[in-house]
Amino acid sequence: MPTGNWTAAARCRTADPDLFFHPDGERARARAERLRRARLICVECPVARQCADHAIASREGFGIWGGLSEDERIGRLLADGARPRGRSVHLTRK
């Protein structure tokens, strides 16, 4: 596992950045396909864990990081009792 600057070992460095960030007005089917293609890169990445941990710790609001979507990262933050930064979150009360 790489140490130091983990971003230097990231597989996404040579990939199309549009795979990791949604365009305005993206429809559900296109989003699912883009997410699938991004995850194919992330699953082979030696630093995917560090990437996901970084995105969660810094409350990154956009993009696919370490194979996790925005919604998945928000779910993890909420499960840990934290609140995402820069996004409105509506919780369903029981």
N, C-alpha and C. Protein backbone atom coordinates (compact mmCIF):
# COMPACT_ATOMS: atom_id res chain seq x y z
N MET A 1 0.84 -1.17 0.00
CA MET A 1 0.00 0.00 0.00
C MET A 1 0.89 1.24 0.00
N PRO A 2 0.60 2.21 -0.89
CA PRO A 2 1.42 3.41 -0.97
C PRO A 2 1.33 4.24 0.32
N THR A 3 2.40 4.92 0.62
CA THR A 3 2.42 5.83 1.76
C THR A 3 2.67 7.23 1.23
N GLY A 4 2.56 8.22 2.12
CA GLY A 4 2.80 9.60 1.70
C GLY A 4 1.64 10.14 0.89
N ASN A 5 1.95 10.69 -0.27
CA ASN A 5 0.93 11.30 -1.12
C ASN A 5 0.17 10.22 -1.89
N TRP A 6 -0.92 9.74 -1.32
CA TRP A 6 -1.68 8.65 -1.92
C TRP A 6 -2.25 9.02 -3.28
N THR A 7 -2.48 10.31 -3.54
CA THR A 7 -3.10 10.71 -4.81
C THR A 7 -2.20 10.37 -6.01
N ALA A 8 -0.90 10.29 -5.78
CA ALA A 8 0.01 9.97 -6.88
C ALA A 8 -0.21 8.56 -7.42
N ALA A 9 -0.76 7.67 -6.58
CA ALA A 9 -1.00 6.28 -6.99
C ALA A 9 -2.44 6.03 -7.45
N ALA A 10 -3.26 7.06 -7.45
CA ALA A 10 -4.68 6.89 -7.80
C ALA A 10 -4.87 6.55 -9.28
N ARG A 11 -5.67 5.56 -9.54
CA ARG A 11 -5.93 5.13 -10.93
C ARG A 11 -6.71 6.18 -11.71
N CYS A 12 -7.49 6.99 -11.03
CA CYS A 12 -8.30 8.00 -11.72
C CYS A 12 -7.47 9.13 -12.33
N ARG A 13 -6.21 9.21 -11.96
CA ARG A 13 -5.34 10.28 -12.49
C ARG A 13 -5.26 10.25 -14.01
N THR A 14 -5.43 9.08 -14.59
CA THR A 14 -5.33 8.97 -16.05
C THR A 14 -6.70 8.73 -16.69
N ALA A 15 -7.75 8.78 -15.90
CA ALA A 15 -9.11 8.54 -16.42
C ALA A 15 -9.79 9.86 -16.75
N ASP A 16 -10.86 9.76 -17.49
CA ASP A 16 -11.67 10.93 -17.84
C ASP A 16 -12.34 11.47 -16.57
N PRO A 17 -12.05 12.71 -16.16
CA PRO A 17 -12.64 13.24 -14.93
C PRO A 17 -14.16 13.34 -14.99
N ASP A 18 -14.72 13.39 -16.18
CA ASP A 18 -16.19 13.46 -16.31
C ASP A 18 -16.87 12.21 -15.77
N LEU A 19 -16.14 11.11 -15.66
CA LEU A 19 -16.72 9.89 -15.08
C LEU A 19 -17.02 10.06 -13.59
N PHE A 20 -16.30 10.93 -12.93
CA PHE A 20 -16.37 11.03 -11.48
C PHE A 20 -17.24 12.18 -10.96
N PHE A 21 -17.71 13.04 -11.87
CA PHE A 21 -18.54 14.17 -11.47
C PHE A 21 -19.74 14.28 -12.40
N HIS A 22 -20.93 14.38 -11.82
CA HIS A 22 -22.14 14.38 -12.63
C HIS A 22 -22.37 15.72 -13.34
N PRO A 23 -22.83 15.66 -14.58
CA PRO A 23 -23.20 16.88 -15.28
C PRO A 23 -24.58 17.36 -14.81
N ASP A 24 -24.86 18.62 -15.01
CA ASP A 24 -26.18 19.15 -14.68
C ASP A 24 -27.25 18.39 -15.48
N GLY A 25 -28.33 18.07 -14.82
CA GLY A 25 -29.46 17.42 -15.48
C GLY A 25 -29.26 15.96 -15.81
N GLU A 26 -28.29 15.32 -15.24
CA GLU A 26 -28.04 13.91 -15.53
C GLU A 26 -29.23 13.06 -15.08
N ARG A 27 -29.68 12.20 -15.93
CA ARG A 27 -30.81 11.32 -15.62
C ARG A 27 -30.34 10.07 -14.89
N ALA A 28 -31.27 9.41 -14.23
CA ALA A 28 -30.94 8.27 -13.37
C ALA A 28 -30.21 7.17 -14.11
N ARG A 29 -30.64 6.81 -15.28
CA ARG A 29 -29.99 5.73 -16.02
C ARG A 29 -28.55 6.10 -16.41
N ALA A 30 -28.37 7.34 -16.85
CA ALA A 30 -27.03 7.81 -17.21
C ALA A 30 -26.15 7.88 -15.97
N ARG A 31 -26.71 8.30 -14.85
CA ARG A 31 -25.96 8.37 -13.60
C ARG A 31 -25.50 6.98 -13.17
N ALA A 32 -26.40 6.01 -13.25
CA ALA A 32 -26.06 4.65 -12.86
C ALA A 32 -24.94 4.10 -13.74
N GLU A 33 -24.97 4.38 -15.02
CA GLU A 33 -23.93 3.90 -15.93
C GLU A 33 -22.61 4.61 -15.66
N ARG A 34 -22.64 5.92 -15.42
CA ARG A 34 -21.41 6.66 -15.11
C ARG A 34 -20.81 6.15 -13.81
N LEU A 35 -21.65 5.93 -12.80
CA LEU A 35 -21.18 5.41 -11.51
C LEU A 35 -20.57 4.02 -11.69
N ARG A 36 -21.20 3.17 -12.49
CA ARG A 36 -20.66 1.82 -12.74
C ARG A 36 -19.28 1.90 -13.38
N ARG A 37 -19.12 2.77 -14.36
CA ARG A 37 -17.84 2.91 -15.05
C ARG A 37 -16.76 3.49 -14.13
N ALA A 38 -17.13 4.45 -13.29
CA ALA A 38 -16.17 5.01 -12.34
C ALA A 38 -15.73 3.95 -11.34
N ARG A 39 -16.68 3.16 -10.88
CA ARG A 39 -16.35 2.11 -9.89
C ARG A 39 -15.45 1.04 -10.47
N LEU A 40 -15.51 0.80 -11.77
CA LEU A 40 -14.60 -0.15 -12.40
C LEU A 40 -13.16 0.32 -12.26
N ILE A 41 -12.96 1.62 -12.28
CA ILE A 41 -11.63 2.18 -12.07
C ILE A 41 -11.26 2.10 -10.60
N CYS A 42 -12.19 2.49 -9.74
CA CYS A 42 -11.92 2.51 -8.30
C CYS A 42 -11.63 1.12 -7.73
N VAL A 43 -12.32 0.11 -8.21
CA VAL A 43 -12.15 -1.23 -7.65
C VAL A 43 -10.74 -1.76 -7.88
N GLU A 44 -10.06 -1.29 -8.90
CA GLU A 44 -8.69 -1.71 -9.19
C GLU A 44 -7.65 -0.76 -8.58
N CYS A 45 -8.10 0.29 -7.92
CA CYS A 45 -7.19 1.32 -7.43
C CYS A 45 -6.54 0.91 -6.10
N PRO A 46 -5.22 1.04 -6.00
CA PRO A 46 -4.54 0.65 -4.77
C PRO A 46 -4.77 1.62 -3.60
N VAL A 47 -5.33 2.80 -3.88
CA VAL A 47 -5.54 3.79 -2.82
C VAL A 47 -7.01 4.17 -2.67
N ALA A 48 -7.89 3.30 -3.11
CA ALA A 48 -9.33 3.60 -3.04
C ALA A 48 -9.78 3.87 -1.61
N ARG A 49 -9.26 3.10 -0.67
CA ARG A 49 -9.65 3.29 0.74
C ARG A 49 -9.23 4.67 1.25
N GLN A 50 -7.99 5.06 0.96
CA GLN A 50 -7.52 6.38 1.37
C GLN A 50 -8.35 7.48 0.72
N CYS A 51 -8.69 7.28 -0.53
CA CYS A 51 -9.50 8.24 -1.27
C CYS A 51 -10.88 8.41 -0.63
N ALA A 52 -11.54 7.30 -0.35
CA ALA A 52 -12.87 7.36 0.28
C ALA A 52 -12.77 7.97 1.68
N ASP A 53 -11.77 7.57 2.45
CA ASP A 53 -11.59 8.12 3.79
C ASP A 53 -11.36 9.63 3.74
N HIS A 54 -10.56 10.08 2.78
CA HIS A 54 -10.31 11.51 2.61
C HIS A 54 -11.61 12.26 2.30
N ALA A 55 -12.39 11.73 1.36
CA ALA A 55 -13.63 12.39 0.95
C ALA A 55 -14.63 12.47 2.12
N ILE A 56 -14.69 11.43 2.92
CA ILE A 56 -15.60 11.44 4.07
C ILE A 56 -15.09 12.42 5.12
N ALA A 57 -13.80 12.36 5.43
CA ALA A 57 -13.23 13.24 6.46
C ALA A 57 -13.33 14.71 6.08
N SER A 58 -13.17 15.02 4.80
CA SER A 58 -13.23 16.41 4.36
C SER A 58 -14.64 16.83 3.94
N ARG A 59 -15.57 15.87 4.06
CA ARG A 59 -16.98 16.10 3.71
C ARG A 59 -17.12 16.62 2.27
N GLU A 60 -16.40 15.95 1.38
CA GLU A 60 -16.45 16.29 -0.03
C GLU A 60 -17.87 16.08 -0.53
N GLY A 61 -18.47 17.11 -1.08
CA GLY A 61 -19.89 17.07 -1.45
C GLY A 61 -20.19 16.57 -2.84
N PHE A 62 -19.16 16.46 -3.68
CA PHE A 62 -19.41 16.10 -5.07
C PHE A 62 -18.42 15.07 -5.56
N GLY A 63 -18.87 14.24 -6.48
CA GLY A 63 -17.99 13.31 -7.15
C GLY A 63 -17.97 11.92 -6.55
N ILE A 64 -17.34 11.03 -7.30
CA ILE A 64 -17.10 9.65 -6.88
C ILE A 64 -15.70 9.62 -6.29
N TRP A 65 -15.58 9.19 -5.06
CA TRP A 65 -14.30 9.14 -4.36
C TRP A 65 -14.14 7.74 -3.77
N GLY A 66 -13.12 7.04 -4.16
CA GLY A 66 -12.89 5.70 -3.64
C GLY A 66 -14.05 4.75 -3.93
N GLY A 67 -14.76 5.01 -5.00
CA GLY A 67 -15.90 4.18 -5.39
C GLY A 67 -17.20 4.55 -4.70
N LEU A 68 -17.19 5.57 -3.85
CA LEU A 68 -18.40 5.98 -3.13
C LEU A 68 -19.03 7.21 -3.78
N SER A 69 -20.33 7.15 -3.97
CA SER A 69 -21.05 8.30 -4.51
C SER A 69 -21.31 9.33 -3.42
N GLU A 70 -21.82 10.49 -3.82
CA GLU A 70 -22.17 11.53 -2.86
C GLU A 70 -23.15 11.00 -1.82
N ASP A 71 -24.18 10.31 -2.29
CA ASP A 71 -25.21 9.80 -1.39
C ASP A 71 -24.67 8.75 -0.43
N GLU A 72 -23.77 7.91 -0.91
CA GLU A 72 -23.17 6.89 -0.03
C GLU A 72 -22.31 7.54 1.06
N ARG A 73 -21.58 8.58 0.68
CA ARG A 73 -20.76 9.27 1.68
C ARG A 73 -21.64 9.99 2.70
N ILE A 74 -22.70 10.60 2.23
CA ILE A 74 -23.63 11.26 3.15
C ILE A 74 -24.21 10.24 4.11
N GLY A 75 -24.59 9.07 3.61
CA GLY A 75 -25.12 8.01 4.46
C GLY A 75 -24.14 7.61 5.55
N ARG A 76 -22.88 7.52 5.21
CA ARG A 76 -21.86 7.15 6.21
C ARG A 76 -21.69 8.26 7.25
N LEU A 77 -21.70 9.51 6.80
CA LEU A 77 -21.60 10.62 7.75
C LEU A 77 -22.78 10.62 8.71
N LEU A 78 -23.97 10.45 8.18
CA LEU A 78 -25.16 10.45 9.02
C LEU A 78 -25.16 9.28 9.99
N ALA A 79 -24.68 8.14 9.53
CA ALA A 79 -24.61 6.96 10.40
C ALA A 79 -23.64 7.20 11.56
N ASP A 80 -22.63 8.04 11.31
CA ASP A 80 -21.65 8.37 12.35
C ASP A 80 -22.08 9.57 13.19
N GLY A 81 -23.27 10.11 12.91
CA GLY A 81 -23.78 11.25 13.67
C GLY A 81 -23.26 12.60 13.20
N ALA A 82 -22.58 12.63 12.07
CA ALA A 82 -22.05 13.88 11.52
C ALA A 82 -23.02 14.44 10.49
N ARG A 83 -22.80 15.67 10.10
CA ARG A 83 -23.64 16.32 9.10
C ARG A 83 -22.77 16.72 7.92
N PRO A 84 -23.22 16.42 6.70
CA PRO A 84 -22.45 16.81 5.52
C PRO A 84 -22.33 18.33 5.43
N ARG A 85 -21.27 18.78 4.84
CA ARG A 85 -21.04 20.21 4.64
C ARG A 85 -21.54 20.60 3.26
N GLY A 86 -22.22 21.74 3.19
CA GLY A 86 -22.59 22.30 1.90
C GLY A 86 -23.76 21.67 1.20
N ARG A 87 -24.44 20.73 1.84
CA ARG A 87 -25.61 20.11 1.21
C ARG A 87 -26.72 20.03 2.23
N SER A 88 -27.91 20.25 1.76
CA SER A 88 -29.06 20.12 2.63
C SER A 88 -29.46 18.66 2.72
N VAL A 89 -29.70 18.20 3.92
CA VAL A 89 -30.08 16.80 4.11
C VAL A 89 -31.43 16.79 4.81
N HIS A 90 -32.36 16.08 4.23
CA HIS A 90 -33.69 15.98 4.80
C HIS A 90 -33.86 14.56 5.35
N LEU A 91 -34.05 14.48 6.61
CA LEU A 91 -34.23 13.19 7.26
C LEU A 91 -35.71 12.91 7.46
N THR A 92 -36.09 11.67 7.31
CA THR A 92 -37.45 11.25 7.56
C THR A 92 -37.57 10.91 9.03
N ARG A 93 -38.48 11.57 9.71
CA ARG A 93 -38.69 11.28 11.14
C ARG A 93 -39.67 10.16 11.28
N LYS A 94 -39.41 9.31 12.26
CA LYS A 94 -40.29 8.16 12.52
C LYS A 94 -41.21 8.45 13.66
